[in-house]
N, C-alpha and C. Protein backbone atom coordinates (compact mmCIF):
# COMPACT_ATOMS: atom_id res chain seq x y z
N UNK A 1 13.81 9.70 -7.02
CA UNK A 1 12.46 10.00 -6.57
C UNK A 1 11.49 8.98 -7.16
N UNK A 2 10.54 8.58 -6.35
CA UNK A 2 9.56 7.58 -6.75
C UNK A 2 8.24 8.29 -7.04
N UNK A 3 7.69 8.02 -8.23
CA UNK A 3 6.40 8.58 -8.60
C UNK A 3 5.31 7.59 -8.22
N UNK A 4 4.37 8.03 -7.38
CA UNK A 4 3.28 7.14 -6.96
C UNK A 4 2.02 7.95 -6.70
N UNK A 5 0.91 7.22 -6.64
CA UNK A 5 -0.39 7.82 -6.35
C UNK A 5 -1.15 6.87 -5.43
N UNK A 6 -1.79 7.43 -4.41
CA UNK A 6 -2.58 6.64 -3.46
C UNK A 6 -4.01 7.18 -3.46
N UNK A 7 -4.96 6.27 -3.60
CA UNK A 7 -6.37 6.62 -3.44
C UNK A 7 -7.00 5.54 -2.56
N UNK A 8 -8.15 5.85 -2.01
CA UNK A 8 -8.83 4.85 -1.18
C UNK A 8 -10.32 5.13 -1.15
N UNK A 9 -11.05 4.07 -0.83
CA UNK A 9 -12.49 4.19 -0.63
C UNK A 9 -12.83 3.49 0.69
N UNK A 10 -14.08 3.16 0.88
CA UNK A 10 -14.51 2.58 2.15
C UNK A 10 -13.91 1.21 2.43
N UNK A 11 -13.54 0.46 1.38
CA UNK A 11 -13.06 -0.91 1.57
C UNK A 11 -11.61 -1.14 1.17
N UNK A 12 -11.06 -0.33 0.26
CA UNK A 12 -9.74 -0.62 -0.29
C UNK A 12 -8.83 0.61 -0.36
N UNK A 13 -7.53 0.32 -0.44
CA UNK A 13 -6.51 1.33 -0.70
C UNK A 13 -5.84 0.93 -2.00
N UNK A 14 -5.70 1.90 -2.91
CA UNK A 14 -5.13 1.66 -4.23
C UNK A 14 -3.82 2.42 -4.35
N UNK A 15 -2.76 1.72 -4.73
CA UNK A 15 -1.45 2.32 -4.87
C UNK A 15 -0.94 2.06 -6.28
N UNK A 16 -0.52 3.11 -6.97
CA UNK A 16 0.06 2.99 -8.31
C UNK A 16 1.46 3.59 -8.26
N UNK A 17 2.45 2.81 -8.71
CA UNK A 17 3.85 3.25 -8.69
C UNK A 17 4.45 3.06 -10.07
N UNK A 18 5.18 4.07 -10.56
CA UNK A 18 5.93 3.95 -11.81
C UNK A 18 7.24 3.26 -11.50
N UNK A 19 7.37 1.99 -11.89
CA UNK A 19 8.59 1.22 -11.62
C UNK A 19 9.42 1.02 -12.89
N UNK A 20 9.08 1.72 -13.96
CA UNK A 20 9.75 1.51 -15.25
C UNK A 20 11.24 1.86 -15.22
N UNK A 21 11.65 2.75 -14.33
CA UNK A 21 13.06 3.16 -14.30
C UNK A 21 13.92 2.32 -13.36
N UNK A 22 13.33 1.35 -12.67
CA UNK A 22 14.08 0.52 -11.74
C UNK A 22 14.49 -0.80 -12.39
N UNK A 23 15.71 -1.24 -12.08
CA UNK A 23 16.16 -2.55 -12.55
C UNK A 23 15.57 -3.66 -11.69
N UNK A 24 15.55 -3.42 -10.37
CA UNK A 24 14.98 -4.38 -9.42
C UNK A 24 14.21 -3.60 -8.38
N UNK A 25 13.13 -4.19 -7.89
CA UNK A 25 12.35 -3.55 -6.84
C UNK A 25 11.62 -4.62 -6.03
N UNK A 26 11.28 -4.24 -4.82
CA UNK A 26 10.61 -5.15 -3.89
C UNK A 26 9.72 -4.31 -2.99
N UNK A 27 8.48 -4.70 -2.84
CA UNK A 27 7.49 -3.96 -2.07
C UNK A 27 7.17 -4.73 -0.79
N UNK A 28 7.25 -4.04 0.36
CA UNK A 28 6.90 -4.67 1.64
C UNK A 28 5.84 -3.81 2.33
N UNK A 29 4.61 -4.33 2.42
CA UNK A 29 3.54 -3.56 3.07
C UNK A 29 3.50 -3.79 4.58
N UNK A 30 3.22 -2.74 5.30
CA UNK A 30 2.97 -2.77 6.74
C UNK A 30 1.57 -2.17 6.95
N UNK A 31 1.09 -2.13 8.16
CA UNK A 31 -0.28 -1.70 8.38
C UNK A 31 -0.54 -0.23 8.03
N UNK A 32 0.44 0.65 8.23
CA UNK A 32 0.19 2.06 7.93
C UNK A 32 1.22 2.69 7.00
N UNK A 33 2.10 1.90 6.42
CA UNK A 33 3.05 2.38 5.41
C UNK A 33 3.54 1.22 4.56
N UNK A 34 4.20 1.56 3.47
CA UNK A 34 4.76 0.57 2.55
C UNK A 34 6.20 0.97 2.29
N UNK A 35 7.10 -0.01 2.27
CA UNK A 35 8.49 0.26 1.94
C UNK A 35 8.76 -0.31 0.55
N UNK A 36 9.28 0.53 -0.33
CA UNK A 36 9.65 0.11 -1.68
C UNK A 36 11.16 0.14 -1.76
N UNK A 37 11.76 -1.05 -1.90
CA UNK A 37 13.20 -1.16 -2.12
C UNK A 37 13.41 -1.21 -3.62
N UNK A 38 14.32 -0.40 -4.13
CA UNK A 38 14.60 -0.39 -5.56
C UNK A 38 16.08 -0.12 -5.78
N UNK A 39 16.65 -0.83 -6.76
CA UNK A 39 18.07 -0.73 -7.08
C UNK A 39 18.88 -0.73 -5.78
N UNK A 40 19.56 0.34 -5.43
CA UNK A 40 20.34 0.38 -4.18
C UNK A 40 19.77 1.39 -3.19
N UNK A 41 18.48 1.56 -3.19
CA UNK A 41 17.85 2.56 -2.34
C UNK A 41 16.48 2.05 -1.87
N UNK A 42 15.79 2.88 -1.12
CA UNK A 42 14.43 2.54 -0.70
C UNK A 42 13.68 3.83 -0.39
N UNK A 43 12.37 3.73 -0.36
CA UNK A 43 11.53 4.84 0.06
C UNK A 43 10.37 4.29 0.89
N UNK A 44 9.95 5.10 1.84
CA UNK A 44 8.80 4.73 2.68
C UNK A 44 7.61 5.55 2.21
N UNK A 45 6.51 4.86 1.93
CA UNK A 45 5.29 5.50 1.47
C UNK A 45 4.27 5.41 2.60
N UNK A 46 3.97 6.53 3.22
CA UNK A 46 2.99 6.56 4.30
C UNK A 46 1.58 6.50 3.71
N UNK A 47 0.74 5.73 4.34
CA UNK A 47 -0.63 5.55 3.88
C UNK A 47 -1.59 6.41 4.69
N UNK A 48 -2.65 6.90 4.06
CA UNK A 48 -3.61 7.75 4.78
C UNK A 48 -4.51 6.97 5.74
N UNK A 49 -4.63 5.67 5.52
CA UNK A 49 -5.45 4.80 6.39
C UNK A 49 -4.71 3.48 6.56
N UNK A 50 -5.10 2.71 7.57
CA UNK A 50 -4.46 1.42 7.81
C UNK A 50 -4.96 0.36 6.84
N UNK A 51 -4.06 -0.59 6.52
CA UNK A 51 -4.40 -1.68 5.61
C UNK A 51 -4.12 -3.03 6.28
N UNK A 52 -4.58 -4.09 5.63
CA UNK A 52 -4.23 -5.45 6.01
C UNK A 52 -3.12 -5.86 5.04
N UNK A 53 -1.85 -5.91 5.49
CA UNK A 53 -0.73 -6.17 4.57
C UNK A 53 -0.86 -7.46 3.76
N UNK A 54 -1.40 -8.50 4.36
CA UNK A 54 -1.51 -9.79 3.67
C UNK A 54 -2.59 -9.81 2.58
N UNK A 55 -3.35 -8.74 2.47
CA UNK A 55 -4.44 -8.70 1.48
C UNK A 55 -3.96 -8.18 0.12
N UNK A 56 -2.69 -7.94 -0.04
CA UNK A 56 -2.14 -7.32 -1.25
C UNK A 56 -2.47 -8.11 -2.51
N UNK A 57 -2.94 -7.38 -3.51
CA UNK A 57 -3.13 -7.92 -4.87
C UNK A 57 -2.34 -6.99 -5.78
N UNK A 58 -1.25 -7.50 -6.34
CA UNK A 58 -0.31 -6.65 -7.09
C UNK A 58 -0.20 -7.13 -8.53
N UNK A 59 -0.25 -6.18 -9.45
CA UNK A 59 -0.02 -6.45 -10.86
C UNK A 59 0.98 -5.42 -11.39
N UNK A 60 1.75 -5.85 -12.39
CA UNK A 60 2.69 -4.94 -13.05
C UNK A 60 2.47 -5.06 -14.54
N UNK A 61 2.26 -3.92 -15.18
CA UNK A 61 2.03 -3.92 -16.61
C UNK A 61 2.62 -2.64 -17.19
N UNK A 62 3.44 -2.79 -18.22
CA UNK A 62 4.06 -1.65 -18.91
C UNK A 62 4.78 -0.70 -17.95
N UNK A 63 5.49 -1.27 -16.96
CA UNK A 63 6.27 -0.46 -16.03
C UNK A 63 5.47 0.24 -14.95
N UNK A 64 4.20 -0.14 -14.79
CA UNK A 64 3.36 0.46 -13.75
C UNK A 64 2.89 -0.64 -12.81
N UNK A 65 3.20 -0.46 -11.53
CA UNK A 65 2.79 -1.41 -10.51
C UNK A 65 1.49 -0.90 -9.89
N UNK A 66 0.48 -1.76 -9.89
CA UNK A 66 -0.80 -1.45 -9.26
C UNK A 66 -1.01 -2.41 -8.10
N UNK A 67 -1.25 -1.86 -6.93
CA UNK A 67 -1.48 -2.68 -5.73
C UNK A 67 -2.82 -2.29 -5.11
N UNK A 68 -3.57 -3.30 -4.71
CA UNK A 68 -4.84 -3.08 -4.02
C UNK A 68 -4.75 -3.78 -2.66
N UNK A 69 -5.08 -3.04 -1.61
CA UNK A 69 -5.07 -3.56 -0.25
C UNK A 69 -6.45 -3.37 0.37
N UNK A 70 -6.84 -4.30 1.22
CA UNK A 70 -8.08 -4.16 1.97
C UNK A 70 -7.80 -3.26 3.17
N UNK A 71 -8.70 -2.32 3.40
CA UNK A 71 -8.56 -1.43 4.55
C UNK A 71 -8.76 -2.20 5.85
N UNK A 72 -8.02 -1.82 6.86
CA UNK A 72 -8.18 -2.38 8.19
C UNK A 72 -9.07 -1.43 8.98
N UNK A 73 -10.21 -1.92 9.41
CA UNK A 73 -11.14 -1.09 10.16
C UNK A 73 -11.04 -1.44 11.64
N UNK A 74 -10.73 -0.47 12.44
CA UNK A 74 -10.68 -0.67 13.89
C UNK A 74 -12.03 -0.31 14.48
N UNK A 75 -12.62 -1.27 15.11
CA UNK A 75 -13.92 -1.03 15.70
C UNK A 75 -13.78 -0.99 17.22
N UNK A 76 -14.49 -0.07 17.83
CA UNK A 76 -14.51 0.00 19.28
C UNK A 76 -15.55 -0.99 19.79
N UNK A 77 -15.26 -1.63 20.91
CA UNK A 77 -16.25 -2.59 21.47
C UNK A 77 -17.50 -1.84 21.93
N UNK A 78 -18.61 -2.48 21.74
CA UNK A 78 -19.89 -1.89 22.15
C UNK A 78 -20.12 -2.22 23.62
N UNK A 79 -20.28 -1.20 24.41
CA UNK A 79 -20.53 -1.39 25.85
C UNK A 79 -22.00 -1.66 26.08
N UNK A 80 -22.27 -2.55 26.99
CA UNK A 80 -23.66 -2.83 27.36
C UNK A 80 -24.12 -1.78 28.35
N UNK A 81 -25.30 -1.30 28.11
CA UNK A 81 -25.87 -0.34 29.06
C UNK A 81 -26.42 -1.09 30.25
N UNK A 82 -26.12 -0.62 31.42
CA UNK A 82 -26.60 -1.28 32.65
C UNK A 82 -27.86 -0.66 33.17
């Protein structure tokens, strides 16, 4: 089991994962979920909002991985009034 926490605000999504018990791990972000491969297994972490995967800023300190992603905002086109 993977211990993690997700929070978000208007601009960012914050993900904290306890990776201290894994020998090897690899994180792959997608727009609405993240896949964490660890040792000989993996888990999918669904996100509450969409992100821009390439915006990842990841740090690891004392067995805790902290990732910050920029939220992806979908805007509807503004129609011109006739």
